C-alpha atoms as a PDB file:
ATOM      1  CA  MET A   1     -45.450   3.548 -23.521  1.00  0.00           C
ATOM      2  CA  ASN A   2     -43.318   1.683 -21.253  1.00  0.00           C
ATOM      3  CA  GLU A   3     -41.013   1.171 -24.419  1.00  0.00           C
ATOM      4  CA  ASP A   4     -39.079   4.083 -23.211  1.00  0.00           C
ATOM      5  CA  ARG A   5     -40.545   5.862 -20.469  1.00  0.00           C
ATOM      6  CA  GLU A   6     -37.536   8.966 -20.688  1.00  0.00           C
ATOM      7  CA  LYS A   7     -38.553  10.228 -24.574  1.00  0.00           C
ATOM      8  CA  PHE A   8     -42.061   9.868 -23.763  1.00  0.00           C
ATOM      9  CA  SER A   9     -41.734  12.030 -20.938  1.00  0.00           C
ATOM     10  CA  LEU A  10     -39.360  14.314 -22.890  1.00  0.00           C
ATOM     11  CA  GLU A  11     -42.068  13.880 -25.430  1.00  0.00           C
ATOM     12  CA  ILE A  12     -45.000  15.644 -23.713  1.00  0.00           C
ATOM     13  CA  GLY A  13     -43.502  17.740 -21.200  1.00  0.00           C
ATOM     14  CA  LYS A  14     -42.626  19.479 -24.306  1.00  0.00           C
ATOM     15  CA  ALA A  15     -46.166  19.307 -25.263  1.00  0.00           C
ATOM     16  CA  CYS A  16     -46.801  20.573 -21.740  1.00  0.00           C
ATOM     17  CA  ARG A  17     -44.553  23.919 -21.637  1.00  0.00           C
ATOM     18  CA  ASN A  18     -45.294  25.251 -25.423  1.00  0.00           C
ATOM     19  CA  VAL A  19     -49.304  23.877 -25.667  1.00  0.00           C
ATOM     20  CA  GLY A  20     -50.642  22.003 -22.633  1.00  0.00           C
ATOM     21  CA  PHE A  21     -52.454  19.302 -25.180  1.00  0.00           C
ATOM     22  CA  PHE A  22     -51.472  16.371 -26.899  1.00  0.00           C
ATOM     23  CA  TYR A  23     -52.580  13.015 -28.537  1.00  0.00           C
ATOM     24  CA  LEU A  24     -52.145   9.450 -25.738  1.00  0.00           C
ATOM     25  CA  SER A  25     -52.211   6.688 -28.231  1.00  0.00           C
ATOM     26  CA  ASN A  26     -50.771   3.191 -27.909  1.00  0.00           C
ATOM     27  CA  HIS A  27     -52.510   3.038 -24.653  1.00  0.00           C
ATOM     28  CA  ASP A  28     -53.477  -0.121 -22.864  1.00  0.00           C
ATOM     29  CA  ILE A  29     -58.251   0.497 -23.154  1.00  0.00           C
ATOM     30  CA  PRO A  30     -59.059  -1.372 -25.637  1.00  0.00           C
ATOM     31  CA  SER A  31     -61.463   0.272 -28.098  1.00  0.00           C
ATOM     32  CA  SER A  32     -63.599  -2.116 -27.565  1.00  0.00           C
ATOM     33  CA  LEU A  33     -64.348  -1.078 -23.794  1.00  0.00           C
ATOM     34  CA  ILE A  34     -64.349   2.402 -24.888  1.00  0.00           C
ATOM     35  CA  GLU A  35     -67.379   1.443 -27.548  1.00  0.00           C
ATOM     36  CA  ARG A  36     -69.652   0.115 -24.882  1.00  0.00           C
ATOM     37  CA  VAL A  37     -69.530   3.157 -22.286  1.00  0.00           C
ATOM     38  CA  TYR A  38     -70.327   5.009 -25.694  1.00  0.00           C
ATOM     39  CA  GLN A  39     -73.551   2.763 -25.373  1.00  0.00           C
ATOM     40  CA  GLN A  40     -73.868   3.266 -22.151  1.00  0.00           C
ATOM     41  CA  ALA A  41     -74.123   7.035 -22.169  1.00  0.00           C
ATOM     42  CA  GLU A  42     -76.669   6.920 -25.406  1.00  0.00           C
ATOM     43  CA  HIS A  43     -79.041   4.118 -22.635  1.00  0.00           C
ATOM     44  CA  PHE A  44     -78.186   7.137 -19.915  1.00  0.00           C
ATOM     45  CA  PHE A  45     -79.271  10.201 -22.166  1.00  0.00           C
ATOM     46  CA  SER A  46     -82.053   8.707 -24.318  1.00  0.00           C
ATOM     47  CA  GLN A  47     -84.226   8.504 -20.734  1.00  0.00           C
ATOM     48  CA  SER A  48     -86.839  11.225 -20.549  1.00  0.00           C
ATOM     49  CA  ILE A  49     -85.825  13.912 -18.332  1.00  0.00           C
ATOM     50  CA  GLU A  50     -88.026  12.344 -15.538  1.00  0.00           C
ATOM     51  CA  GLU A  51     -85.723  10.443 -15.079  1.00  0.00           C
ATOM     52  CA  LYS A  52     -82.510  11.490 -15.680  1.00  0.00           C
ATOM     53  CA  MET A  53     -83.143  14.056 -12.459  1.00  0.00           C
ATOM     54  CA  LYS A  54     -84.343  11.287 -10.512  1.00  0.00           C
ATOM     55  CA  LEU A  55     -80.472  11.214 -10.209  1.00  0.00           C
ATOM     56  CA  TYR A  56     -79.888  15.311  -9.985  1.00  0.00           C
ATOM     57  CA  ILE A  57     -76.230  16.461  -8.677  1.00  0.00           C
ATOM     58  CA  GLY A  58     -78.166  18.862  -6.356  1.00  0.00           C
ATOM     59  CA  SER A  59     -80.429  16.143  -4.733  1.00  0.00           C
ATOM     60  CA  CYS A  60     -77.607  14.050  -4.197  1.00  0.00           C
ATOM     61  CA  ARG A  61     -77.202  13.226  -0.683  1.00  0.00           C
ATOM     62  CA  TYR A  62     -74.090  13.214  -0.074  1.00  0.00           C
ATOM     63  CA  GLY A  63     -73.456  17.012  -1.105  1.00  0.00           C
ATOM     64  CA  ASN A  64     -69.971  15.361  -3.744  1.00  0.00           C
ATOM     65  CA  ASN A  65     -70.906  16.800  -6.889  1.00  0.00           C
ATOM     66  CA  ARG A  66     -71.690  13.435  -8.381  1.00  0.00           C
ATOM     67  CA  GLY A  67     -75.046  12.715 -10.629  1.00  0.00           C
ATOM     68  CA  TYR A  68     -76.628  14.030 -13.470  1.00  0.00           C
ATOM     69  CA  THR A  69     -77.136  17.887 -14.438  1.00  0.00           C
ATOM     70  CA  PRO A  70     -78.811  18.723 -17.489  1.00  0.00           C
ATOM     71  CA  MET A  71     -79.418  21.596 -20.020  1.00  0.00           C
ATOM     72  CA  PHE A  72     -77.631  24.478 -18.717  1.00  0.00           C
ATOM     73  CA  GLU A  73     -77.185  23.078 -15.487  1.00  0.00           C
ATOM     74  CA  GLU A  74     -72.843  24.802 -15.998  1.00  0.00           C
ATOM     75  CA  LYS A  75     -71.733  28.055 -16.165  1.00  0.00           C
ATOM     76  CA  LEU A  76     -68.815  27.604 -18.338  1.00  0.00           C
ATOM     77  CA  SER A  77     -71.224  29.758 -20.562  1.00  0.00           C
ATOM     78  CA  PRO A  78     -72.509  32.720 -19.397  1.00  0.00           C
ATOM     79  CA  LYS A  79     -76.329  31.068 -20.527  1.00  0.00           C
ATOM     80  CA  GLY A  80     -74.675  27.933 -19.765  1.00  0.00           C
ATOM     81  CA  ASP A  81     -73.497  25.403 -21.487  1.00  0.00           C
ATOM     82  CA  LEU A  82     -75.972  23.705 -23.980  1.00  0.00           C
ATOM     83  CA  LYS A  83     -75.057  19.933 -22.466  1.00  0.00           C
ATOM     84  CA  GLU A  84     -76.507  17.061 -20.206  1.00  0.00           C
ATOM     85  CA  GLY A  85     -73.706  15.278 -18.446  1.00  0.00           C
ATOM     86  CA  PHE A  86     -73.374  12.467 -15.990  1.00  0.00           C
ATOM     87  CA  ASP A  87     -70.336  12.843 -12.916  1.00  0.00           C
ATOM     88  CA  LEU A  88     -69.029  10.412 -10.466  1.00  0.00           C
ATOM     89  CA  ALA A  89     -65.907   9.343  -9.022  1.00  0.00           C
ATOM     90  CA  MET A  90     -63.607   7.158  -6.954  1.00  0.00           C
ATOM     91  CA  GLU A  91     -66.058   4.899  -4.833  1.00  0.00           C
ATOM     92  CA  LEU A  92     -65.287   5.908  -1.069  1.00  0.00           C
ATOM     93  CA  PRO A  93     -68.285   4.890   1.636  1.00  0.00           C
ATOM     94  CA  ALA A  94     -70.501   7.327   3.275  1.00  0.00           C
ATOM     95  CA  ASP A  95     -68.802   6.826   6.197  1.00  0.00           C
ATOM     96  CA  ASP A  96     -65.289   7.232   5.022  1.00  0.00           C
ATOM     97  CA  LYS A  97     -62.088   8.474   7.491  1.00  0.00           C
ATOM     98  CA  ASP A  98     -61.905  11.841   6.304  1.00  0.00           C
ATOM     99  CA  ARG A  99     -65.344  12.284   5.292  1.00  0.00           C
ATOM    100  CA  ILE A 100     -66.803  12.576   8.870  1.00  0.00           C
ATOM    101  CA  GLU A 101     -63.679  13.278  10.089  1.00  0.00           C
ATOM    102  CA  ARG A 102     -61.801  16.390   8.147  1.00  0.00           C
ATOM    103  CA  GLY A 103     -64.510  16.978   6.075  1.00  0.00           C
ATOM    104  CA  ALA A 104     -63.258  16.338   3.218  1.00  0.00           C
ATOM    105  CA  ILE A 105     -67.335  16.592   1.382  1.00  0.00           C
ATOM    106  CA  LEU A 106     -66.169  15.547  -2.097  1.00  0.00           C
ATOM    107  CA  TYR A 107     -65.152  12.367  -1.119  1.00  0.00           C
ATOM    108  CA  GLY A 108     -67.928   9.194  -0.781  1.00  0.00           C
ATOM    109  CA  PRO A 109     -70.377   7.047  -2.841  1.00  0.00           C
ATOM    110  CA  ASN A 110     -70.908   7.312  -6.477  1.00  0.00           C
ATOM    111  CA  PHE A 111     -75.256   8.206  -7.348  1.00  0.00           C
ATOM    112  CA  TRP A 112     -75.595   5.089  -9.103  1.00  0.00           C
ATOM    113  CA  PRO A 113     -79.314   4.232 -11.801  1.00  0.00           C
ATOM    114  CA  ASP A 114     -81.069   1.217 -10.733  1.00  0.00           C
ATOM    115  CA  ASN A 115     -82.453   0.558 -14.247  1.00  0.00           C
ATOM    116  CA  LEU A 116     -79.862   0.354 -16.423  1.00  0.00           C
ATOM    117  CA  HIS A 117     -78.466  -3.005 -17.074  1.00  0.00           C
ATOM    118  CA  GLY A 118     -74.891  -3.371 -16.827  1.00  0.00           C
ATOM    119  CA  PHE A 119     -74.343   0.755 -16.417  1.00  0.00           C
ATOM    120  CA  ARG A 120     -72.371   0.554 -13.013  1.00  0.00           C
ATOM    121  CA  GLU A 121     -70.551  -2.904 -13.739  1.00  0.00           C
ATOM    122  CA  CYS A 122     -68.916  -1.044 -17.294  1.00  0.00           C
ATOM    123  CA  ILE A 123     -68.562   2.378 -16.731  1.00  0.00           C
ATOM    124  CA  TYR A 124     -67.096   2.155 -12.782  1.00  0.00           C
ATOM    125  CA  ASN A 125     -65.410  -1.533 -13.039  1.00  0.00           C
ATOM    126  CA  GLU A 126     -64.237  -2.022 -16.415  1.00  0.00           C
ATOM    127  CA  PHE A 127     -63.079   1.834 -17.237  1.00  0.00           C
ATOM    128  CA  TYR A 128     -62.294   3.686 -14.697  1.00  0.00           C
ATOM    129  CA  LEU A 129     -60.474   1.450 -12.062  1.00  0.00           C
ATOM    130  CA  LYS A 130     -58.071   1.072 -16.082  1.00  0.00           C
ATOM    131  CA  MET A 131     -58.305   4.665 -16.280  1.00  0.00           C
ATOM    132  CA  LEU A 132     -56.703   5.307 -12.942  1.00  0.00           C
ATOM    133  CA  SER A 133     -53.919   2.975 -14.251  1.00  0.00           C
ATOM    134  CA  LEU A 134     -53.288   5.055 -16.482  1.00  0.00           C
ATOM    135  CA  GLY A 135     -53.567   8.521 -14.652  1.00  0.00           C
ATOM    136  CA  GLU A 136     -50.638   7.060 -12.252  1.00  0.00           C
ATOM    137  CA  LYS A 137     -48.600   6.175 -15.149  1.00  0.00           C
ATOM    138  CA  LEU A 138     -49.567   9.925 -16.663  1.00  0.00           C
ATOM    139  CA  PHE A 139     -48.315  11.394 -13.545  1.00  0.00           C
ATOM    140  CA  GLU A 140     -44.746   8.705 -13.239  1.00  0.00           C
ATOM    141  CA  ALA A 141     -44.305  10.608 -16.884  1.00  0.00           C
ATOM    142  CA  PHE A 142     -45.157  14.246 -16.117  1.00  0.00           C
ATOM    143  CA  ALA A 143     -42.397  14.032 -12.710  1.00  0.00           C
ATOM    144  CA  LEU A 144     -40.136  12.855 -14.869  1.00  0.00           C
ATOM    145  CA  SER A 145     -40.573  15.635 -17.823  1.00  0.00           C
ATOM    146  CA  LEU A 146     -39.814  17.691 -14.056  1.00  0.00           C
ATOM    147  CA  ASN A 147     -36.293  16.127 -13.519  1.00  0.00           C
ATOM    148  CA  LEU A 148     -38.122  14.263 -10.517  1.00  0.00           C
ATOM    149  CA  PRO A 149     -38.783  10.765  -8.915  1.00  0.00           C
ATOM    150  CA  SER A 150     -40.975   8.927 -10.911  1.00  0.00           C
ATOM    151  CA  ASN A 151     -42.544   8.076  -8.033  1.00  0.00           C
ATOM    152  CA  TYR A 152     -42.943  11.796  -6.879  1.00  0.00           C
ATOM    153  CA  PHE A 153     -46.213  11.873  -7.332  1.00  0.00           C
ATOM    154  CA  LYS A 154     -47.738   8.694  -5.802  1.00  0.00           C
ATOM    155  CA  SER A 155     -47.575   9.800  -2.448  1.00  0.00           C
ATOM    156  CA  MET A 156     -50.128  12.331  -3.002  1.00  0.00           C
ATOM    157  CA  CYS A 157     -52.737  10.007  -5.253  1.00  0.00           C
ATOM    158  CA  GLN A 158     -53.470   7.043  -3.181  1.00  0.00           C
ATOM    159  CA  LYS A 159     -56.928   8.379  -2.675  1.00  0.00           C
ATOM    160  CA  PRO A 160     -57.395  11.000  -5.113  1.00  0.00           C
ATOM    161  CA  MET A 161     -60.093  13.002  -6.523  1.00  0.00           C
ATOM    162  CA  VAL A 162     -60.505  11.925 -10.173  1.00  0.00           C
ATOM    163  CA  THR A 163     -63.749  12.507 -12.049  1.00  0.00           C
ATOM    164  CA  MET A 164     -64.825  11.000 -14.836  1.00  0.00           C
ATOM    165  CA  ARG A 165     -67.755  12.352 -16.659  1.00  0.00           C
ATOM    166  CA  LEU A 166     -70.133  11.051 -19.118  1.00  0.00           C
ATOM    167  CA  LEU A 167     -70.860  14.557 -22.113  1.00  0.00           C
ATOM    168  CA  HIS A 168     -73.983  14.524 -24.448  1.00  0.00           C
ATOM    169  CA  TYR A 169     -73.932  17.865 -26.375  1.00  0.00           C
ATOM    170  CA  PRO A 170     -76.872  17.988 -28.987  1.00  0.00           C
ATOM    171  CA  PRO A 171     -76.636  19.532 -32.418  1.00  0.00           C
ATOM    172  CA  GLN A 172     -75.305  23.335 -32.783  1.00  0.00           C
ATOM    173  CA  THR A 173     -74.443  23.890 -36.437  1.00  0.00           C
ATOM    174  CA  ILE A 174     -76.106  27.166 -36.183  1.00  0.00           C
ATOM    175  CA  ILE A 175     -74.337  29.758 -33.328  1.00  0.00           C
ATOM    176  CA  GLN A 176     -77.308  32.129 -32.298  1.00  0.00           C
ATOM    177  CA  ASP A 177     -75.611  32.985 -29.341  1.00  0.00           C
ATOM    178  CA  GLU A 178     -71.883  33.182 -28.481  1.00  0.00           C
ATOM    179  CA  ASP A 179     -73.039  32.730 -24.488  1.00  0.00           C
ATOM    180  CA  GLN A 180     -74.076  29.406 -25.001  1.00  0.00           C
ATOM    181  CA  LEU A 181     -71.875  27.368 -26.500  1.00  0.00           C
ATOM    182  CA  GLY A 182     -71.802  23.440 -25.562  1.00  0.00           C
ATOM    183  CA  CYS A 183     -69.400  24.112 -23.256  1.00  0.00           C
ATOM    184  CA  GLY A 184     -67.611  27.448 -22.961  1.00  0.00           C
ATOM    185  CA  ALA A 185     -64.188  28.927 -22.751  1.00  0.00           C
ATOM    186  CA  HIS A 186     -62.433  27.244 -19.614  1.00  0.00           C
ATOM    187  CA  THR A 187     -59.780  25.623 -18.078  1.00  0.00           C
ATOM    188  CA  ASP A 188     -60.511  22.828 -16.504  1.00  0.00           C
ATOM    189  CA  TYR A 189     -59.388  22.392 -12.566  1.00  0.00           C
ATOM    190  CA  GLU A 190     -57.633  19.383 -12.205  1.00  0.00           C
ATOM    191  CA  CYS A 191     -54.108  18.544 -12.868  1.00  0.00           C
ATOM    192  CA  PHE A 192     -54.703  17.403 -16.499  1.00  0.00           C
ATOM    193  CA  THR A 193     -57.596  15.566 -18.288  1.00  0.00           C
ATOM    194  CA  LEU A 194     -58.306  12.167 -20.415  1.00  0.00           C
ATOM    195  CA  LEU A 195     -60.682  12.800 -22.949  1.00  0.00           C
ATOM    196  CA  SER A 196     -62.181  10.164 -25.679  1.00  0.00           C
ATOM    197  CA  GLN A 197     -64.501  11.816 -28.322  1.00  0.00           C
ATOM    198  CA  SER A 198     -66.847   9.813 -30.150  1.00  0.00           C
ATOM    199  CA  ASN A 199     -66.163  10.110 -34.209  1.00  0.00           C
ATOM    200  CA  GLN A 200     -68.206  14.144 -34.254  1.00  0.00           C
ATOM    201  CA  SER A 201     -65.366  17.443 -33.950  1.00  0.00           C
ATOM    202  CA  GLY A 202     -66.207  19.691 -31.467  1.00  0.00           C
ATOM    203  CA  LEU A 203     -63.111  20.851 -29.160  1.00  0.00           C
ATOM    204  CA  GLN A 204     -61.327  23.861 -29.876  1.00  0.00           C
ATOM    205  CA  ILE A 205     -58.272  25.423 -28.139  1.00  0.00           C
ATOM    206  CA  LEU A 206     -56.904  28.442 -27.998  1.00  0.00           C
ATOM    207  CA  ASN A 207     -53.797  28.492 -28.939  1.00  0.00           C
ATOM    208  CA  ASN A 208     -50.746  30.872 -28.706  1.00  0.00           C
ATOM    209  CA  THR A 209     -51.901  33.546 -31.208  1.00  0.00           C
ATOM    210  CA  GLN A 210     -55.979  33.972 -29.615  1.00  0.00           C
ATOM    211  CA  GLU A 211     -56.729  31.420 -32.926  1.00  0.00           C
ATOM    212  CA  TRP A 212     -59.231  28.452 -32.361  1.00  0.00           C
ATOM    213  CA  ILE A 213     -57.934  25.311 -33.423  1.00  0.00           C
ATOM    214  CA  ASN A 214     -59.774  22.334 -33.805  1.00  0.00           C
ATOM    215  CA  ALA A 215     -58.885  19.322 -32.076  1.00  0.00           C
ATOM    216  CA  LYS A 216     -60.046  16.356 -34.342  1.00  0.00           C
ATOM    217  CA  PRO A 217     -61.347  12.825 -33.139  1.00  0.00           C
ATOM    218  CA  MET A 218     -58.130  10.552 -33.781  1.00  0.00           C
ATOM    219  CA  PRO A 219     -59.090   6.694 -33.165  1.00  0.00           C
ATOM    220  CA  ASN A 220     -57.945   5.339 -30.820  1.00  0.00           C
ATOM    221  CA  THR A 221     -56.254   7.727 -28.863  1.00  0.00           C
ATOM    222  CA  PHE A 222     -56.964  10.382 -25.831  1.00  0.00           C
ATOM    223  CA  VAL A 223     -56.334  14.062 -25.945  1.00  0.00           C
ATOM    224  CA  VAL A 224     -54.750  15.190 -23.012  1.00  0.00           C
ATOM    225  CA  ASN A 225     -54.049  18.856 -21.220  1.00  0.00           C
ATOM    226  CA  ILE A 226     -53.010  20.131 -18.729  1.00  0.00           C
ATOM    227  CA  GLY A 227     -55.506  21.559 -15.605  1.00  0.00           C
ATOM    228  CA  ASP A 228     -55.195  24.348 -13.417  1.00  0.00           C
ATOM    229  CA  LEU A 229     -53.547  22.702 -10.935  1.00  0.00           C
ATOM    230  CA  MET A 230     -50.391  20.918 -12.335  1.00  0.00           C
ATOM    231  CA  GLN A 231     -50.041  24.666 -13.860  1.00  0.00           C
ATOM    232  CA  ARG A 232     -49.556  25.888 -10.252  1.00  0.00           C
ATOM    233  CA  TRP A 233     -47.541  23.218  -9.287  1.00  0.00           C
ATOM    234  CA  THR A 234     -45.426  23.416 -12.292  1.00  0.00           C
ATOM    235  CA  ASN A 235     -44.544  27.539 -11.597  1.00  0.00           C
ATOM    236  CA  ASP A 236     -47.147  28.026 -14.945  1.00  0.00           C
ATOM    237  CA  GLN A 237     -44.018  25.149 -17.024  1.00  0.00           C
ATOM    238  CA  PHE A 238     -46.894  23.626 -17.807  1.00  0.00           C
ATOM    239  CA  LYS A 239     -49.806  25.091 -19.193  1.00  0.00           C
ATOM    240  CA  SER A 240     -52.960  24.568 -18.359  1.00  0.00           C
ATOM    241  CA  THR A 241     -54.620  26.022 -22.298  1.00  0.00           C
ATOM    242  CA  ILE A 242     -58.634  27.675 -23.033  1.00  0.00           C
ATOM    243  CA  HIS A 243     -60.410  25.611 -24.899  1.00  0.00           C
ATOM    244  CA  ARG A 244     -64.431  25.192 -25.197  1.00  0.00           C
ATOM    245  CA  VAL A 245     -66.085  22.665 -27.538  1.00  0.00           C
ATOM    246  CA  ILE A 246     -69.350  23.530 -30.217  1.00  0.00           C
ATOM    247  CA  ASN A 247     -71.175  20.877 -31.667  1.00  0.00           C
ATOM    248  CA  THR A 248     -70.839  21.858 -35.164  1.00  0.00           C
ATOM    249  CA  SER A 249     -70.990  17.812 -36.627  1.00  0.00           C
ATOM    250  CA  GLY A 250     -74.531  18.255 -36.302  1.00  0.00           C
ATOM    251  CA  THR A 251     -75.531  15.248 -34.800  1.00  0.00           C
ATOM    252  CA  ILE A 252     -75.564  14.455 -31.475  1.00  0.00           C
ATOM    253  CA  ARG A 253     -71.785  14.507 -29.883  1.00  0.00           C
ATOM    254  CA  TYR A 254     -70.721  12.105 -26.733  1.00  0.00           C
ATOM    255  CA  SER A 255     -67.098  11.997 -24.923  1.00  0.00           C
ATOM    256  CA  ILE A 256     -65.618  11.011 -22.384  1.00  0.00           C
ATOM    257  CA  PRO A 257     -63.191  13.273 -20.226  1.00  0.00           C
ATOM    258  CA  VAL A 258     -61.469  11.457 -16.754  1.00  0.00           C
ATOM    259  CA  PHE A 259     -60.200  15.000 -14.604  1.00  0.00           C
ATOM    260  CA  PHE A 260     -56.689  13.261 -12.508  1.00  0.00           C
ATOM    261  CA  GLY A 261     -56.642  15.599  -8.889  1.00  0.00           C
ATOM    262  CA  PRO A 262     -54.110  14.403  -6.319  1.00  0.00           C
ATOM    263  CA  ASN A 263     -55.204  13.120  -2.378  1.00  0.00           C
ATOM    264  CA  TYR A 264     -57.932  16.074  -1.639  1.00  0.00           C
ATOM    265  CA  PHE A 265     -55.730  17.779   1.393  1.00  0.00           C
ATOM    266  CA  THR A 266     -52.403  18.010  -0.987  1.00  0.00           C
ATOM    267  CA  LYS A 267     -51.143  21.289  -0.511  1.00  0.00           C
ATOM    268  CA  ILE A 268     -50.111  22.648  -4.466  1.00  0.00           C
ATOM    269  CA  LYS A 269     -47.037  24.628  -4.093  1.00  0.00           C
ATOM    270  CA  SER A 270     -44.761  25.167  -6.852  1.00  0.00           C
ATOM    271  CA  LEU A 271     -42.379  22.432  -7.847  1.00  0.00           C
ATOM    272  CA  ILE A 272     -39.730  25.059  -9.507  1.00  0.00           C
ATOM    273  CA  ASN A 273     -37.774  25.512  -6.854  1.00  0.00           C
ATOM    274  CA  ASP A 274     -34.710  27.916  -8.239  1.00  0.00           C
ATOM    275  CA  GLU A 275     -37.771  30.592  -9.502  1.00  0.00           C
ATOM    276  CA  LYS A 276     -39.670  32.616  -7.286  1.00  0.00           C
ATOM    277  CA  GLU A 277     -43.350  31.330  -6.643  1.00  0.00           C
ATOM    278  CA  LYS A 278     -46.490  33.320  -8.805  1.00  0.00           C
ATOM    279  CA  TYR A 279     -48.785  31.371  -6.615  1.00  0.00           C
ATOM    280  CA  GLU A 280     -49.991  30.682  -3.421  1.00  0.00           C
ATOM    281  CA  PRO A 281     -49.818  27.440  -2.068  1.00  0.00           C
ATOM    282  CA  ILE A 282     -52.925  25.880  -1.924  1.00  0.00           C
ATOM    283  CA  LEU A 283     -54.790  22.583  -0.963  1.00  0.00           C
ATOM    284  CA  ALA A 284     -56.205  20.907  -3.403  1.00  0.00           C
ATOM    285  CA  ASP A 285     -60.080  20.440  -2.569  1.00  0.00           C
ATOM    286  CA  GLU A 286     -59.940  24.341  -1.959  1.00  0.00           C
ATOM    287  CA  TYR A 287     -59.104  25.396  -4.648  1.00  0.00           C
ATOM    288  CA  LEU A 288     -61.617  22.474  -7.114  1.00  0.00           C
ATOM    289  CA  THR A 289     -64.621  23.184  -4.259  1.00  0.00           C
ATOM    290  CA  GLN A 290     -64.149  26.710  -4.984  1.00  0.00           C
ATOM    291  CA  ARG A 291     -64.122  25.931  -8.740  1.00  0.00           C
ATOM    292  CA  PHE A 292     -66.553  24.380  -8.709  1.00  0.00           C
ATOM    293  CA  ASN A 293     -69.280  26.453  -6.643  1.00  0.00           C
ATOM    294  CA  ASP A 294     -68.595  28.829  -9.938  1.00  0.00           C
ATOM    295  CA  THR A 295     -69.624  26.763 -11.811  1.00  0.00           C
ATOM    296  CA  TYR A 296     -72.700  24.502 -11.030  1.00  0.00           C
ATOM    297  CA  GLN A 297     -75.512  26.378 -10.775  1.00  0.00           C
ATOM    298  CA  TYR A 298     -77.067  24.107  -8.044  1.00  0.00           C
ATOM    299  CA  ARG A 299     -74.228  24.845  -5.826  1.00  0.00           C
ATOM    300  CA  GLN A 300     -75.120  28.414  -6.736  1.00  0.00           C
ATOM    301  CA  THR A 301     -78.465  27.772  -5.343  1.00  0.00           C
ATOM    302  CA  ASN A 302     -77.646  26.131  -2.368  1.00  0.00           C
ATOM    303  CA  SER A 303     -74.540  28.269  -1.663  1.00  0.00           C
ATOM    304  CA  SER A 304     -77.107  31.419  -1.338  1.00  0.00           C
ATOM    305  CA  SER A 305     -79.825  30.256   0.482  1.00  0.00           C
ATOM    306  CA  THR A 306     -77.440  29.536   3.837  1.00  0.00           C
END
């Protein structure tokens, strides 16, 4: 990926403008580490629902969208998504200055299990931190593809909102209800996503002719897709493409998406100076908070009770 940054940035710029999705290979995340993350995910999700609910995302005392999401908690499908997850993000102290003094509620500590040996070490210290580094390189490539200095996004990603999820999809060989899929049709919220898929298919992308196309797993690759914040930042030059998940593999499917956003208070305003702006400027945290509120059942319940 570092051999020819200019060529690489041109290639991904073309993909982001035409499709919004591409496969990334030749990265520096060891396949053995990814396999260990999947093993940890399997250990976590194989626990009883009572054990997992001890980490329920709605009971996290920090209110920063971390922890366990049970089946149907997310509402990307009208009747709830047929998946469960574990959400984490950058590990920051509960008394983080931005959190305490500026109301950056999405910052703070993670909500870790205390009964799974090596879970935190593998998931966060080994994998998540390596993914942060890979994300930084992609931000540089995106900047170059937009004819900006390679370090353009660096100051806006010193304390980035980067959410990682472990996801578990049960098999759904027969679609009995279009309103209840593994993950309903949606666009991602942040700037871009790096997705590791297990060997099972399930991810589908809506192409320009409104057809669902399977994004099949490819060994030692990440699927990269553009999110809403980058589409807004580029004034629709980069596409945040609609996608969904239907696990028709007949077996359990796991995936590991990592969603990359900028610093909490970054203003998302068009970078394209010679075009009329299509969106009003918005702070990154305002956009993400609203999308989380629309997606998670517990946030809707809490909102209606206050």
